[in-house]
Amino acid sequence: MSEPTENTRATITVSSKGTQLGEIVLRFFHDVAPGHVKNFMKLAQEGVYNGTTFHRVIPGFMIQGGDPNSKNPDRASHGMGGPGYQIKAEFNSKPHKRGVVSMARSNEPDSAGSQFFICVADANFLDWQYTAFGEVVSGMDVVDKVVAMKRDGRDNPFERVEMTVAISES
């Protein structure tokens, strides 16, 4: 795996019911969250994210995905999985504003693994509590489509919203 640069991008292709909803393109904050960026790139290049879903969508807040458990149609375990390891927090000064990508975790600060979220609105209460590691440079319209999907009581969309993630240099 090569080192991330200013030109490293992740393209998240999003689909539901076999129809492509569009692409979300991310740029990384490798200067303030190098471990999280390398982890996300590694998981993407290994195909871990491919076929996972956005399993938690909350209007006015965020969309969350990247759980390997979400590849399973049994929704009971969605949101509880990871890559089998955890990474150390890299809290930083990047504000959690609309379009920022950050790592999800449990109550334990050093518990992030594969799950990430994209803010659909400013969420400054997350600053210095979660590791912001990138931002959307195009495709917020796709994020807005995802967050608007009908969802169950656990905020999991009724229709699977699947992703594939590819890393490239722009």
N, C-alpha and C. Protein backbone atom coordinates (compact mmCIF):
# COMPACT_ATOMS: atom_id res chain seq x y z
N MET A 1 0.85 -1.17 0.00
CA MET A 1 0.00 0.00 0.00
C MET A 1 0.90 1.24 0.00
N SER A 2 0.62 2.15 -0.91
CA SER A 2 1.41 3.38 -0.98
C SER A 2 0.95 4.36 0.09
N GLU A 3 1.81 5.31 0.39
CA GLU A 3 1.49 6.34 1.37
C GLU A 3 0.45 7.30 0.78
N PRO A 4 -0.51 7.74 1.57
CA PRO A 4 -1.50 8.69 1.07
C PRO A 4 -0.85 10.05 0.80
N THR A 5 -1.36 10.76 -0.21
CA THR A 5 -0.89 12.09 -0.55
C THR A 5 -2.08 13.04 -0.58
N GLU A 6 -1.81 14.31 -0.90
CA GLU A 6 -2.89 15.29 -1.05
C GLU A 6 -3.86 14.87 -2.15
N ASN A 7 -3.39 14.06 -3.09
CA ASN A 7 -4.21 13.65 -4.25
C ASN A 7 -4.89 12.30 -4.08
N THR A 8 -4.69 11.64 -2.94
CA THR A 8 -5.33 10.35 -2.72
C THR A 8 -6.82 10.57 -2.49
N ARG A 9 -7.64 9.77 -3.18
CA ARG A 9 -9.09 9.88 -3.07
C ARG A 9 -9.68 8.48 -2.86
N ALA A 10 -10.83 8.47 -2.20
CA ALA A 10 -11.64 7.25 -2.10
C ALA A 10 -12.94 7.56 -2.82
N THR A 11 -13.35 6.64 -3.68
CA THR A 11 -14.64 6.78 -4.36
C THR A 11 -15.57 5.70 -3.83
N ILE A 12 -16.64 6.13 -3.20
CA ILE A 12 -17.65 5.22 -2.68
C ILE A 12 -18.80 5.21 -3.67
N THR A 13 -18.98 4.08 -4.34
CA THR A 13 -20.10 3.92 -5.26
C THR A 13 -21.26 3.33 -4.49
N VAL A 14 -22.40 4.01 -4.53
CA VAL A 14 -23.55 3.66 -3.70
C VAL A 14 -24.69 3.16 -4.59
N SER A 15 -25.30 2.04 -4.18
CA SER A 15 -26.44 1.50 -4.93
C SER A 15 -27.49 0.94 -3.97
N SER A 16 -28.72 0.87 -4.48
CA SER A 16 -29.82 0.29 -3.73
C SER A 16 -30.74 -0.41 -4.72
N LYS A 17 -31.13 -1.62 -4.39
CA LYS A 17 -32.00 -2.44 -5.25
C LYS A 17 -31.45 -2.53 -6.68
N GLY A 18 -30.11 -2.64 -6.80
CA GLY A 18 -29.49 -2.80 -8.10
C GLY A 18 -29.35 -1.52 -8.91
N THR A 19 -29.80 -0.40 -8.37
CA THR A 19 -29.71 0.88 -9.06
C THR A 19 -28.63 1.74 -8.42
N GLN A 20 -27.72 2.25 -9.23
CA GLN A 20 -26.67 3.11 -8.71
C GLN A 20 -27.25 4.46 -8.32
N LEU A 21 -26.97 4.88 -7.08
CA LEU A 21 -27.42 6.18 -6.59
C LEU A 21 -26.40 7.27 -6.89
N GLY A 22 -25.15 6.87 -7.14
CA GLY A 22 -24.10 7.83 -7.45
C GLY A 22 -22.81 7.52 -6.71
N GLU A 23 -21.88 8.46 -6.79
CA GLU A 23 -20.57 8.30 -6.17
C GLU A 23 -20.31 9.41 -5.17
N ILE A 24 -19.67 9.03 -4.07
CA ILE A 24 -19.21 9.97 -3.05
C ILE A 24 -17.68 9.91 -3.10
N VAL A 25 -17.05 11.05 -3.36
CA VAL A 25 -15.59 11.09 -3.44
C VAL A 25 -15.04 11.79 -2.20
N LEU A 26 -14.08 11.11 -1.55
CA LEU A 26 -13.47 11.62 -0.32
C LEU A 26 -12.03 12.03 -0.54
N ARG A 27 -11.63 13.06 0.16
CA ARG A 27 -10.22 13.42 0.28
C ARG A 27 -9.87 13.20 1.75
N PHE A 28 -8.62 12.82 2.00
CA PHE A 28 -8.22 12.44 3.35
C PHE A 28 -7.45 13.53 4.09
N PHE A 29 -7.57 13.51 5.41
CA PHE A 29 -6.78 14.37 6.31
C PHE A 29 -5.59 13.55 6.82
N HIS A 30 -4.70 13.16 5.91
CA HIS A 30 -3.59 12.29 6.31
C HIS A 30 -2.61 12.99 7.23
N ASP A 31 -2.65 14.33 7.27
CA ASP A 31 -1.74 15.07 8.13
C ASP A 31 -2.12 14.99 9.61
N VAL A 32 -3.43 14.88 9.92
CA VAL A 32 -3.87 14.86 11.32
C VAL A 32 -4.39 13.50 11.78
N ALA A 33 -4.67 12.59 10.84
CA ALA A 33 -5.17 11.26 11.21
C ALA A 33 -4.53 10.18 10.33
N PRO A 34 -3.19 10.11 10.33
CA PRO A 34 -2.52 9.19 9.41
C PRO A 34 -2.88 7.72 9.63
N GLY A 35 -3.05 7.31 10.87
CA GLY A 35 -3.40 5.91 11.14
C GLY A 35 -4.78 5.55 10.63
N HIS A 36 -5.73 6.46 10.80
CA HIS A 36 -7.09 6.20 10.32
C HIS A 36 -7.16 6.19 8.80
N VAL A 37 -6.42 7.09 8.18
CA VAL A 37 -6.40 7.13 6.71
C VAL A 37 -5.79 5.83 6.17
N LYS A 38 -4.67 5.42 6.73
CA LYS A 38 -4.03 4.17 6.27
C LYS A 38 -4.94 2.98 6.50
N ASN A 39 -5.62 2.94 7.64
CA ASN A 39 -6.54 1.85 7.94
C ASN A 39 -7.69 1.81 6.93
N PHE A 40 -8.31 2.96 6.65
CA PHE A 40 -9.42 3.02 5.70
C PHE A 40 -8.94 2.57 4.32
N MET A 41 -7.78 3.07 3.89
CA MET A 41 -7.25 2.69 2.58
C MET A 41 -6.98 1.19 2.51
N LYS A 42 -6.38 0.64 3.56
CA LYS A 42 -6.07 -0.80 3.61
C LYS A 42 -7.35 -1.63 3.49
N LEU A 43 -8.37 -1.28 4.28
CA LEU A 43 -9.62 -2.02 4.23
C LEU A 43 -10.28 -1.90 2.86
N ALA A 44 -10.23 -0.71 2.27
CA ALA A 44 -10.81 -0.51 0.94
C ALA A 44 -10.06 -1.35 -0.10
N GLN A 45 -8.74 -1.32 -0.05
CA GLN A 45 -7.95 -2.07 -1.03
C GLN A 45 -8.10 -3.58 -0.86
N GLU A 46 -8.40 -4.03 0.34
CA GLU A 46 -8.65 -5.46 0.59
C GLU A 46 -10.08 -5.87 0.23
N GLY A 47 -10.93 -4.89 -0.12
CA GLY A 47 -12.32 -5.19 -0.49
C GLY A 47 -13.26 -5.37 0.68
N VAL A 48 -12.81 -5.02 1.88
CA VAL A 48 -13.63 -5.22 3.08
C VAL A 48 -14.94 -4.43 2.98
N TYR A 49 -14.89 -3.22 2.44
CA TYR A 49 -16.10 -2.38 2.37
C TYR A 49 -17.07 -2.80 1.27
N ASN A 50 -16.59 -3.49 0.26
CA ASN A 50 -17.44 -3.84 -0.87
C ASN A 50 -18.57 -4.77 -0.44
N GLY A 51 -19.80 -4.32 -0.69
CA GLY A 51 -20.98 -5.10 -0.30
C GLY A 51 -21.50 -4.78 1.08
N THR A 52 -20.79 -3.91 1.83
CA THR A 52 -21.34 -3.46 3.11
C THR A 52 -22.38 -2.38 2.84
N THR A 53 -23.14 -2.02 3.86
CA THR A 53 -24.22 -1.06 3.67
C THR A 53 -24.02 0.17 4.56
N PHE A 54 -24.77 1.20 4.22
CA PHE A 54 -24.98 2.30 5.16
C PHE A 54 -26.13 1.81 6.04
N HIS A 55 -25.78 1.36 7.24
CA HIS A 55 -26.73 0.66 8.12
C HIS A 55 -27.37 1.58 9.16
N ARG A 56 -26.94 2.83 9.20
CA ARG A 56 -27.50 3.78 10.17
C ARG A 56 -27.56 5.14 9.51
N VAL A 57 -28.77 5.66 9.34
CA VAL A 57 -28.95 6.96 8.69
C VAL A 57 -29.87 7.81 9.57
N ILE A 58 -29.38 8.99 9.95
CA ILE A 58 -30.14 9.86 10.84
C ILE A 58 -30.21 11.25 10.21
N PRO A 59 -31.38 11.62 9.69
CA PRO A 59 -31.52 12.96 9.09
C PRO A 59 -31.10 14.05 10.06
N GLY A 60 -30.42 15.05 9.54
CA GLY A 60 -29.94 16.14 10.36
C GLY A 60 -28.68 15.81 11.13
N PHE A 61 -28.12 14.60 10.92
CA PHE A 61 -26.93 14.19 11.66
C PHE A 61 -25.90 13.52 10.76
N MET A 62 -26.11 12.25 10.39
CA MET A 62 -25.08 11.53 9.65
C MET A 62 -25.60 10.24 9.02
N ILE A 63 -24.75 9.66 8.12
CA ILE A 63 -24.96 8.30 7.62
C ILE A 63 -23.73 7.49 8.04
N GLN A 64 -23.95 6.25 8.46
CA GLN A 64 -22.87 5.40 8.96
C GLN A 64 -22.85 4.09 8.20
N GLY A 65 -21.65 3.62 7.89
CA GLY A 65 -21.49 2.35 7.19
C GLY A 65 -20.14 1.74 7.49
N GLY A 66 -19.80 0.70 6.72
CA GLY A 66 -18.51 0.06 6.85
C GLY A 66 -18.45 -1.13 7.77
N ASP A 67 -19.60 -1.62 8.23
CA ASP A 67 -19.62 -2.79 9.11
C ASP A 67 -19.66 -4.06 8.27
N PRO A 68 -18.62 -4.92 8.37
CA PRO A 68 -18.64 -6.18 7.61
C PRO A 68 -19.88 -7.03 7.91
N ASN A 69 -20.47 -6.90 9.12
CA ASN A 69 -21.68 -7.66 9.44
C ASN A 69 -22.84 -7.29 8.52
N SER A 70 -22.81 -6.08 7.94
CA SER A 70 -23.94 -5.64 7.11
C SER A 70 -23.97 -6.33 5.75
N LYS A 71 -22.96 -7.14 5.44
CA LYS A 71 -23.01 -7.95 4.22
C LYS A 71 -24.07 -9.05 4.37
N ASN A 72 -24.38 -9.40 5.61
CA ASN A 72 -25.37 -10.41 5.92
C ASN A 72 -26.76 -9.78 5.90
N PRO A 73 -27.73 -10.40 5.21
CA PRO A 73 -29.08 -9.82 5.19
C PRO A 73 -29.75 -9.76 6.57
N ASP A 74 -29.27 -10.55 7.53
CA ASP A 74 -29.83 -10.51 8.88
C ASP A 74 -29.41 -9.21 9.54
N ARG A 75 -30.35 -8.30 9.66
CA ARG A 75 -30.08 -6.94 10.14
C ARG A 75 -29.76 -6.87 11.63
N ALA A 76 -29.99 -7.95 12.38
CA ALA A 76 -29.82 -7.92 13.84
C ALA A 76 -28.40 -7.57 14.26
N SER A 77 -27.40 -7.96 13.46
CA SER A 77 -26.01 -7.72 13.85
C SER A 77 -25.40 -6.50 13.15
N HIS A 78 -26.18 -5.80 12.34
CA HIS A 78 -25.64 -4.62 11.66
C HIS A 78 -25.24 -3.57 12.69
N GLY A 79 -24.06 -3.00 12.53
CA GLY A 79 -23.58 -1.98 13.44
C GLY A 79 -22.73 -2.52 14.58
N MET A 80 -22.55 -3.83 14.63
CA MET A 80 -21.79 -4.42 15.74
C MET A 80 -20.46 -5.02 15.31
N GLY A 81 -20.14 -4.95 14.02
CA GLY A 81 -18.95 -5.62 13.52
C GLY A 81 -17.77 -4.70 13.26
N GLY A 82 -16.67 -5.33 12.91
CA GLY A 82 -15.45 -4.61 12.61
C GLY A 82 -14.46 -5.54 11.95
N PRO A 83 -13.23 -5.06 11.77
CA PRO A 83 -12.23 -5.86 11.05
C PRO A 83 -11.51 -6.89 11.91
N GLY A 84 -11.82 -6.96 13.20
CA GLY A 84 -11.13 -7.91 14.07
C GLY A 84 -10.01 -7.28 14.86
N TYR A 85 -9.88 -5.97 14.75
CA TYR A 85 -8.89 -5.22 15.53
C TYR A 85 -9.43 -3.81 15.74
N GLN A 86 -8.76 -3.07 16.61
CA GLN A 86 -9.15 -1.68 16.88
C GLN A 86 -7.94 -0.78 16.70
N ILE A 87 -8.20 0.49 16.37
CA ILE A 87 -7.10 1.42 16.17
C ILE A 87 -7.18 2.56 17.19
N LYS A 88 -6.02 3.13 17.46
CA LYS A 88 -5.90 4.20 18.46
C LYS A 88 -6.53 5.49 17.93
N ALA A 89 -7.24 6.17 18.80
CA ALA A 89 -7.88 7.44 18.44
C ALA A 89 -6.84 8.46 18.00
N GLU A 90 -7.22 9.30 17.05
CA GLU A 90 -6.39 10.42 16.59
C GLU A 90 -7.27 11.68 16.57
N PHE A 91 -7.82 12.01 17.74
CA PHE A 91 -8.68 13.19 17.83
C PHE A 91 -7.87 14.40 17.35
N ASN A 92 -8.53 15.30 16.64
CA ASN A 92 -7.82 16.42 16.03
C ASN A 92 -8.73 17.65 15.93
N SER A 93 -8.19 18.72 15.42
CA SER A 93 -8.90 20.00 15.39
C SER A 93 -9.84 20.16 14.20
N LYS A 94 -9.94 19.17 13.33
CA LYS A 94 -10.87 19.28 12.19
C LYS A 94 -12.30 19.27 12.73
N PRO A 95 -13.08 20.30 12.43
CA PRO A 95 -14.46 20.34 12.93
C PRO A 95 -15.36 19.35 12.20
N HIS A 96 -16.29 18.78 12.94
CA HIS A 96 -17.27 17.86 12.36
C HIS A 96 -18.39 18.69 11.73
N LYS A 97 -18.12 19.14 10.51
CA LYS A 97 -19.09 19.94 9.77
C LYS A 97 -19.68 19.07 8.66
N ARG A 98 -20.70 19.59 7.99
CA ARG A 98 -21.32 18.85 6.89
C ARG A 98 -20.25 18.39 5.91
N GLY A 99 -20.28 17.08 5.58
CA GLY A 99 -19.34 16.51 4.63
C GLY A 99 -18.10 15.89 5.24
N VAL A 100 -17.88 16.06 6.54
CA VAL A 100 -16.71 15.47 7.18
C VAL A 100 -16.94 13.98 7.39
N VAL A 101 -15.86 13.21 7.18
CA VAL A 101 -15.88 11.75 7.37
C VAL A 101 -15.09 11.45 8.64
N SER A 102 -15.68 10.65 9.51
CA SER A 102 -15.08 10.36 10.80
C SER A 102 -15.28 8.88 11.12
N MET A 103 -14.46 8.36 12.02
CA MET A 103 -14.59 6.95 12.40
C MET A 103 -15.58 6.77 13.53
N ALA A 104 -16.45 5.80 13.37
CA ALA A 104 -17.38 5.41 14.43
C ALA A 104 -16.60 4.56 15.44
N ARG A 105 -17.10 4.54 16.66
CA ARG A 105 -16.46 3.76 17.72
C ARG A 105 -17.47 3.51 18.82
N SER A 106 -17.08 2.67 19.78
CA SER A 106 -17.91 2.47 20.96
C SER A 106 -17.59 3.58 21.96
N ASN A 107 -17.99 3.40 23.20
CA ASN A 107 -17.67 4.39 24.23
C ASN A 107 -16.17 4.46 24.54
N GLU A 108 -15.45 3.43 24.18
CA GLU A 108 -14.00 3.39 24.39
C GLU A 108 -13.32 4.18 23.26
N PRO A 109 -12.53 5.22 23.56
CA PRO A 109 -11.93 6.04 22.51
C PRO A 109 -11.08 5.27 21.49
N ASP A 110 -10.37 4.24 21.93
CA ASP A 110 -9.49 3.50 21.01
C ASP A 110 -10.17 2.26 20.45
N SER A 111 -11.45 2.37 20.08
CA SER A 111 -12.20 1.19 19.63
C SER A 111 -12.64 1.26 18.17
N ALA A 112 -12.17 2.23 17.40
CA ALA A 112 -12.54 2.31 15.98
C ALA A 112 -11.93 1.13 15.23
N GLY A 113 -12.60 0.73 14.15
CA GLY A 113 -12.11 -0.38 13.34
C GLY A 113 -12.36 -0.12 11.87
N SER A 114 -13.58 -0.42 11.42
CA SER A 114 -13.92 -0.23 10.01
C SER A 114 -15.10 0.71 9.80
N GLN A 115 -15.94 0.89 10.80
CA GLN A 115 -17.15 1.69 10.61
C GLN A 115 -16.81 3.18 10.61
N PHE A 116 -17.45 3.89 9.68
CA PHE A 116 -17.22 5.32 9.53
C PHE A 116 -18.55 6.01 9.32
N PHE A 117 -18.56 7.33 9.46
CA PHE A 117 -19.78 8.08 9.21
C PHE A 117 -19.44 9.37 8.47
N ILE A 118 -20.44 9.86 7.74
CA ILE A 118 -20.34 11.12 7.01
C ILE A 118 -21.39 12.05 7.59
N CYS A 119 -20.95 13.21 8.06
CA CYS A 119 -21.88 14.19 8.64
C CYS A 119 -22.74 14.81 7.53
N VAL A 120 -24.04 14.86 7.76
CA VAL A 120 -24.95 15.53 6.81
C VAL A 120 -25.28 16.94 7.29
N ALA A 121 -24.84 17.26 8.49
CA ALA A 121 -25.01 18.60 9.07
C ALA A 121 -23.84 18.82 10.02
N ASP A 122 -23.63 20.06 10.40
CA ASP A 122 -22.58 20.36 11.37
C ASP A 122 -22.90 19.63 12.68
N ALA A 123 -21.87 19.02 13.27
CA ALA A 123 -22.03 18.25 14.52
C ALA A 123 -20.85 18.55 15.44
N ASN A 124 -20.71 19.82 15.81
CA ASN A 124 -19.55 20.26 16.59
C ASN A 124 -19.42 19.54 17.93
N PHE A 125 -20.50 18.97 18.45
CA PHE A 125 -20.42 18.23 19.72
C PHE A 125 -19.56 16.98 19.59
N LEU A 126 -19.23 16.58 18.36
CA LEU A 126 -18.35 15.43 18.13
C LEU A 126 -16.87 15.81 18.11
N ASP A 127 -16.59 17.12 17.98
CA ASP A 127 -15.20 17.57 17.88
C ASP A 127 -14.41 17.10 19.10
N TRP A 128 -13.18 16.60 18.84
CA TRP A 128 -12.27 16.11 19.86
C TRP A 128 -12.80 14.86 20.57
N GLN A 129 -13.91 14.27 20.05
CA GLN A 129 -14.48 13.04 20.62
C GLN A 129 -14.37 11.88 19.63
N TYR A 130 -14.31 12.19 18.35
CA TYR A 130 -14.23 11.21 17.27
C TYR A 130 -13.14 11.65 16.31
N THR A 131 -12.53 10.72 15.59
CA THR A 131 -11.44 11.04 14.69
C THR A 131 -11.96 11.38 13.30
N ALA A 132 -11.92 12.68 12.98
CA ALA A 132 -12.22 13.14 11.62
C ALA A 132 -11.01 12.79 10.76
N PHE A 133 -11.23 12.09 9.64
CA PHE A 133 -10.09 11.68 8.82
C PHE A 133 -10.25 12.01 7.35
N GLY A 134 -11.32 12.71 6.98
CA GLY A 134 -11.50 13.09 5.59
C GLY A 134 -12.73 13.94 5.40
N GLU A 135 -12.98 14.28 4.13
CA GLU A 135 -14.16 15.06 3.80
C GLU A 135 -14.62 14.74 2.39
N VAL A 136 -15.90 14.94 2.16
CA VAL A 136 -16.49 14.72 0.84
C VAL A 136 -16.10 15.88 -0.05
N VAL A 137 -15.54 15.58 -1.23
CA VAL A 137 -15.22 16.62 -2.20
C VAL A 137 -16.23 16.66 -3.33
N SER A 138 -16.96 15.57 -3.52
CA SER A 138 -18.11 15.56 -4.44
C SER A 138 -19.02 14.41 -4.06
N GLY A 139 -20.32 14.62 -4.30
CA GLY A 139 -21.28 13.57 -4.01
C GLY A 139 -22.13 13.79 -2.78
N MET A 140 -22.16 15.00 -2.23
CA MET A 140 -23.04 15.23 -1.08
C MET A 140 -24.50 15.03 -1.47
N ASP A 141 -24.82 15.17 -2.76
CA ASP A 141 -26.18 14.88 -3.21
C ASP A 141 -26.51 13.40 -2.99
N VAL A 142 -25.52 12.53 -3.13
CA VAL A 142 -25.71 11.10 -2.90
C VAL A 142 -25.90 10.85 -1.41
N VAL A 143 -25.08 11.51 -0.59
CA VAL A 143 -25.21 11.40 0.87
C VAL A 143 -26.63 11.81 1.28
N ASP A 144 -27.12 12.91 0.69
CA ASP A 144 -28.46 13.39 1.02
C ASP A 144 -29.54 12.39 0.60
N LYS A 145 -29.34 11.69 -0.52
CA LYS A 145 -30.29 10.64 -0.93
C LYS A 145 -30.32 9.51 0.10
N VAL A 146 -29.13 9.13 0.56
CA VAL A 146 -29.03 8.02 1.52
C VAL A 146 -29.71 8.38 2.84
N VAL A 147 -29.43 9.58 3.35
CA VAL A 147 -29.97 9.95 4.66
C VAL A 147 -31.49 10.11 4.61
N ALA A 148 -32.05 10.32 3.43
CA ALA A 148 -33.50 10.51 3.30
C ALA A 148 -34.27 9.19 3.12
N MET A 149 -33.57 8.06 3.08
CA MET A 149 -34.25 6.78 2.85
C MET A 149 -35.08 6.39 4.07
N LYS A 150 -36.18 5.72 3.80
CA LYS A 150 -37.04 5.23 4.89
C LYS A 150 -36.26 4.20 5.69
N ARG A 151 -36.44 4.25 7.02
CA ARG A 151 -35.63 3.42 7.90
C ARG A 151 -36.46 2.84 9.04
N ASP A 152 -35.88 1.81 9.66
CA ASP A 152 -36.56 1.15 10.78
C ASP A 152 -36.27 1.88 12.09
N GLY A 153 -36.69 1.31 13.20
CA GLY A 153 -36.52 1.92 14.51
C GLY A 153 -35.07 2.01 14.97
N ARG A 154 -34.17 1.27 14.30
CA ARG A 154 -32.74 1.34 14.61
C ARG A 154 -32.01 2.24 13.62
N ASP A 155 -32.77 2.99 12.82
CA ASP A 155 -32.24 3.90 11.80
C ASP A 155 -31.55 3.18 10.65
N ASN A 156 -31.86 1.89 10.47
CA ASN A 156 -31.31 1.09 9.37
C ASN A 156 -32.29 1.19 8.20
N PRO A 157 -31.82 1.66 7.02
CA PRO A 157 -32.75 1.75 5.88
C PRO A 157 -33.42 0.41 5.58
N PHE A 158 -34.72 0.47 5.26
CA PHE A 158 -35.45 -0.75 4.91
C PHE A 158 -34.85 -1.40 3.67
N GLU A 159 -34.47 -0.61 2.69
CA GLU A 159 -33.82 -1.13 1.48
C GLU A 159 -32.30 -1.08 1.70
N ARG A 160 -31.60 -2.16 1.33
CA ARG A 160 -30.14 -2.18 1.47
C ARG A 160 -29.53 -1.05 0.63
N VAL A 161 -28.63 -0.29 1.24
CA VAL A 161 -27.88 0.76 0.54
C VAL A 161 -26.42 0.33 0.58
N GLU A 162 -26.00 -0.35 -0.50
CA GLU A 162 -24.67 -0.97 -0.54
C GLU A 162 -23.61 -0.04 -1.10
N MET A 163 -22.37 -0.33 -0.74
CA MET A 163 -21.24 0.45 -1.24
C MET A 163 -20.14 -0.44 -1.77
N THR A 164 -19.36 0.14 -2.66
CA THR A 164 -18.03 -0.37 -3.01
C THR A 164 -17.11 0.83 -2.86
N VAL A 165 -15.87 0.57 -2.46
CA VAL A 165 -14.92 1.66 -2.22
C VAL A 165 -13.65 1.37 -2.99
N ALA A 166 -13.20 2.36 -3.76
CA ALA A 166 -11.95 2.27 -4.52
C ALA A 166 -11.05 3.44 -4.14
N ILE A 167 -9.75 3.18 -4.06
CA ILE A 167 -8.75 4.20 -3.75
C ILE A 167 -8.01 4.55 -5.03
N SER A 168 -7.77 5.86 -5.24
CA SER A 168 -7.04 6.30 -6.44
C SER A 168 -6.27 7.57 -6.14
N GLU A 169 -5.44 7.96 -7.08
CA GLU A 169 -4.73 9.25 -7.03
C GLU A 169 -5.36 10.14 -8.10
N SER A 170 -5.75 11.36 -7.70
CA SER A 170 -6.41 12.26 -8.66
C SER A 170 -5.39 13.07 -9.43
